[in-house]
Amino acid sequence: METLNTEVRLLGQKIPLKSSGDPKLVSEVLGLVAKRIEAAEARPGAPKTPHHVLLLALLELAEEYIQAKRRMKDYQGNVETKSKELFKMIEAQLK
C-alpha cells in the first residue's frame, strides 16, 4: 500500500504524518481528533494548556471507545443467545 504523507494542524502546531492506511479513513480520523480537541478547548473551565486539552480529548475518546466495546459485547451476547434459542426451536421442529 502506498504511504501517504500529510500535515495536520492541531492546537496551532503543524504535525507531519505518514500513513499507509486508507486516505479516507485517515481523513476521518484526523477530522474526529480535531473536532474532539476543539470541543475540549471550548468546555467551560477546561484547562487551556495544550497537553491538558489533548489529555481531556483523549480521555473522552477512550470513554466513548470503551462504551462502544461494551455495547458490542452485549450485542454479541444477545445474538449468541438468540441463535441458540432459534437452533433449539429448529431442532424441536425437526424431531
C-alpha atoms as a PDB file:
ATOM      1  CA  MET A   1       0.000   0.000   0.000  1.00  0.00           C
ATOM      2  CA  GLU A   2       1.198   3.499  -0.796  1.00  0.00           C
ATOM      3  CA  THR A   3       2.493   5.723   2.013  1.00  0.00           C
ATOM      4  CA  LEU A   4       0.537   8.924   2.466  1.00  0.00           C
ATOM      5  CA  ASN A   5       2.453  11.960   3.702  1.00  0.00           C
ATOM      6  CA  THR A   6       0.299  14.693   5.118  1.00  0.00           C
ATOM      7  CA  GLU A   7       0.447  17.507   7.591  1.00  0.00           C
ATOM      8  CA  VAL A   8      -2.141  18.281  10.200  1.00  0.00           C
ATOM      9  CA  ARG A   9      -2.530  21.391  12.332  1.00  0.00           C
ATOM     10  CA  LEU A  10      -3.658  20.720  15.885  1.00  0.00           C
ATOM     11  CA  LEU A  11      -3.580  23.295  18.666  1.00  0.00           C
ATOM     12  CA  GLY A  12      -1.716  25.661  16.377  1.00  0.00           C
ATOM     13  CA  GLN A  13       1.113  23.231  15.686  1.00  0.00           C
ATOM     14  CA  LYS A  14       1.927  21.576  12.382  1.00  0.00           C
ATOM     15  CA  ILE A  15       2.417  17.849  12.749  1.00  0.00           C
ATOM     16  CA  PRO A  16       3.756  15.798   9.829  1.00  0.00           C
ATOM     17  CA  LEU A  17       2.109  12.396   9.459  1.00  0.00           C
ATOM     18  CA  LYS A  18       2.902   9.305   7.440  1.00  0.00           C
ATOM     19  CA  SER A  19       0.270   6.655   6.937  1.00  0.00           C
ATOM     20  CA  SER A  20      -0.132   3.598   4.777  1.00  0.00           C
ATOM     21  CA  GLY A  21      -3.829   3.445   5.611  1.00  0.00           C
ATOM     22  CA  ASP A  22      -6.860   4.291   3.538  1.00  0.00           C
ATOM     23  CA  PRO A  23      -6.742   8.052   2.821  1.00  0.00           C
ATOM     24  CA  LYS A  24     -10.466   8.402   3.532  1.00  0.00           C
ATOM     25  CA  LEU A  25     -10.023   6.700   6.921  1.00  0.00           C
ATOM     26  CA  VAL A  26      -7.015   8.890   7.740  1.00  0.00           C
ATOM     27  CA  SER A  27      -9.044  11.974   6.865  1.00  0.00           C
ATOM     28  CA  GLU A  28     -11.952  10.800   9.008  1.00  0.00           C
ATOM     29  CA  VAL A  29      -9.636  10.077  11.956  1.00  0.00           C
ATOM     30  CA  LEU A  30      -7.988  13.490  11.678  1.00  0.00           C
ATOM     31  CA  GLY A  31     -11.383  15.170  11.486  1.00  0.00           C
ATOM     32  CA  LEU A  32     -12.603  13.327  14.584  1.00  0.00           C
ATOM     33  CA  VAL A  33      -9.476  14.197  16.554  1.00  0.00           C
ATOM     34  CA  ALA A  34      -9.646  17.858  15.535  1.00  0.00           C
ATOM     35  CA  LYS A  35     -13.331  18.002  16.469  1.00  0.00           C
ATOM     36  CA  ARG A  36     -12.664  16.448  19.888  1.00  0.00           C
ATOM     37  CA  ILE A  37      -9.793  18.809  20.583  1.00  0.00           C
ATOM     38  CA  GLU A  38     -11.951  21.801  19.657  1.00  0.00           C
ATOM     39  CA  ALA A  39     -14.721  20.535  21.946  1.00  0.00           C
ATOM     40  CA  ALA A  40     -12.247  20.017  24.800  1.00  0.00           C
ATOM     41  CA  GLU A  41     -10.885  23.533  24.315  1.00  0.00           C
ATOM     42  CA  ALA A  42     -14.389  25.023  24.336  1.00  0.00           C
ATOM     43  CA  ARG A  43     -15.533  23.379  27.559  1.00  0.00           C
ATOM     44  CA  PRO A  44     -16.196  25.896  30.321  1.00  0.00           C
ATOM     45  CA  GLY A  45     -13.464  25.732  32.931  1.00  0.00           C
ATOM     46  CA  ALA A  46     -11.356  23.425  30.758  1.00  0.00           C
ATOM     47  CA  PRO A  47      -7.609  23.721  31.138  1.00  0.00           C
ATOM     48  CA  LYS A  48      -6.034  25.793  28.415  1.00  0.00           C
ATOM     49  CA  THR A  49      -2.569  24.245  28.232  1.00  0.00           C
ATOM     50  CA  PRO A  50      -2.190  22.116  25.086  1.00  0.00           C
ATOM     51  CA  HIS A  51      -1.265  18.914  26.884  1.00  0.00           C
ATOM     52  CA  HIS A  52      -4.265  19.217  29.217  1.00  0.00           C
ATOM     53  CA  VAL A  53      -6.605  19.848  26.289  1.00  0.00           C
ATOM     54  CA  LEU A  54      -5.188  16.819  24.472  1.00  0.00           C
ATOM     55  CA  LEU A  55      -5.491  14.671  27.586  1.00  0.00           C
ATOM     56  CA  LEU A  56      -9.119  15.706  28.057  1.00  0.00           C
ATOM     57  CA  ALA A  57      -9.902  14.905  24.405  1.00  0.00           C
ATOM     58  CA  LEU A  58      -8.088  11.567  24.695  1.00  0.00           C
ATOM     59  CA  LEU A  59      -9.993  10.626  27.846  1.00  0.00           C
ATOM     60  CA  GLU A  60     -13.308  11.448  26.174  1.00  0.00           C
ATOM     61  CA  LEU A  61     -12.399   9.321  23.135  1.00  0.00           C
ATOM     62  CA  ALA A  62     -11.272   6.467  25.391  1.00  0.00           C
ATOM     63  CA  GLU A  63     -14.561   6.607  27.313  1.00  0.00           C
ATOM     64  CA  GLU A  64     -16.552   6.503  24.080  1.00  0.00           C
ATOM     65  CA  TYR A  65     -14.431   3.599  22.802  1.00  0.00           C
ATOM     66  CA  ILE A  66     -14.949   1.566  25.984  1.00  0.00           C
ATOM     67  CA  GLN A  67     -18.698   2.228  25.905  1.00  0.00           C
ATOM     68  CA  ALA A  68     -18.812   1.089  22.259  1.00  0.00           C
ATOM     69  CA  LYS A  69     -16.897  -2.080  23.146  1.00  0.00           C
ATOM     70  CA  ARG A  70     -19.369  -2.820  25.951  1.00  0.00           C
ATOM     71  CA  ARG A  71     -22.339  -2.271  23.635  1.00  0.00           C
ATOM     72  CA  MET A  72     -20.759  -4.577  21.055  1.00  0.00           C
ATOM     73  CA  LYS A  73     -20.116  -7.267  23.658  1.00  0.00           C
ATOM     74  CA  ASP A  74     -23.736  -7.019  24.856  1.00  0.00           C
ATOM     75  CA  TYR A  75     -24.969  -7.185  21.252  1.00  0.00           C
ATOM     76  CA  GLN A  76     -22.810 -10.229  20.528  1.00  0.00           C
ATOM     77  CA  GLY A  77     -24.118 -11.916  23.670  1.00  0.00           C
ATOM     78  CA  ASN A  78     -27.702 -11.221  22.607  1.00  0.00           C
ATOM     79  CA  VAL A  79     -27.054 -12.574  19.105  1.00  0.00           C
ATOM     80  CA  GLU A  80     -25.498 -15.715  20.557  1.00  0.00           C
ATOM     81  CA  THR A  81     -28.420 -16.248  22.945  1.00  0.00           C
ATOM     82  CA  LYS A  82     -31.000 -15.728  20.191  1.00  0.00           C
ATOM     83  CA  SER A  83     -29.082 -18.024  17.839  1.00  0.00           C
ATOM     84  CA  LYS A  84     -29.073 -20.807  20.420  1.00  0.00           C
ATOM     85  CA  GLU A  85     -32.797 -20.330  21.025  1.00  0.00           C
ATOM     86  CA  LEU A  86     -33.526 -20.482  17.298  1.00  0.00           C
ATOM     87  CA  PHE A  87     -31.351 -23.568  16.885  1.00  0.00           C
ATOM     88  CA  LYS A  88     -33.256 -25.321  19.685  1.00  0.00           C
ATOM     89  CA  MET A  89     -36.578 -24.368  18.085  1.00  0.00           C
ATOM     90  CA  ILE A  90     -35.440 -25.720  14.706  1.00  0.00           C
ATOM     91  CA  GLU A  91     -34.201 -28.945  16.289  1.00  0.00           C
ATOM     92  CA  ALA A  92     -37.526 -29.364  18.111  1.00  0.00           C
ATOM     93  CA  GLN A  93     -39.448 -28.935  14.852  1.00  0.00           C
ATOM     94  CA  LEU A  94     -37.264 -31.486  13.047  1.00  0.00           C
ATOM     95  CA  LYS A  95     -37.931 -34.234  15.616  1.00  0.00           C
END
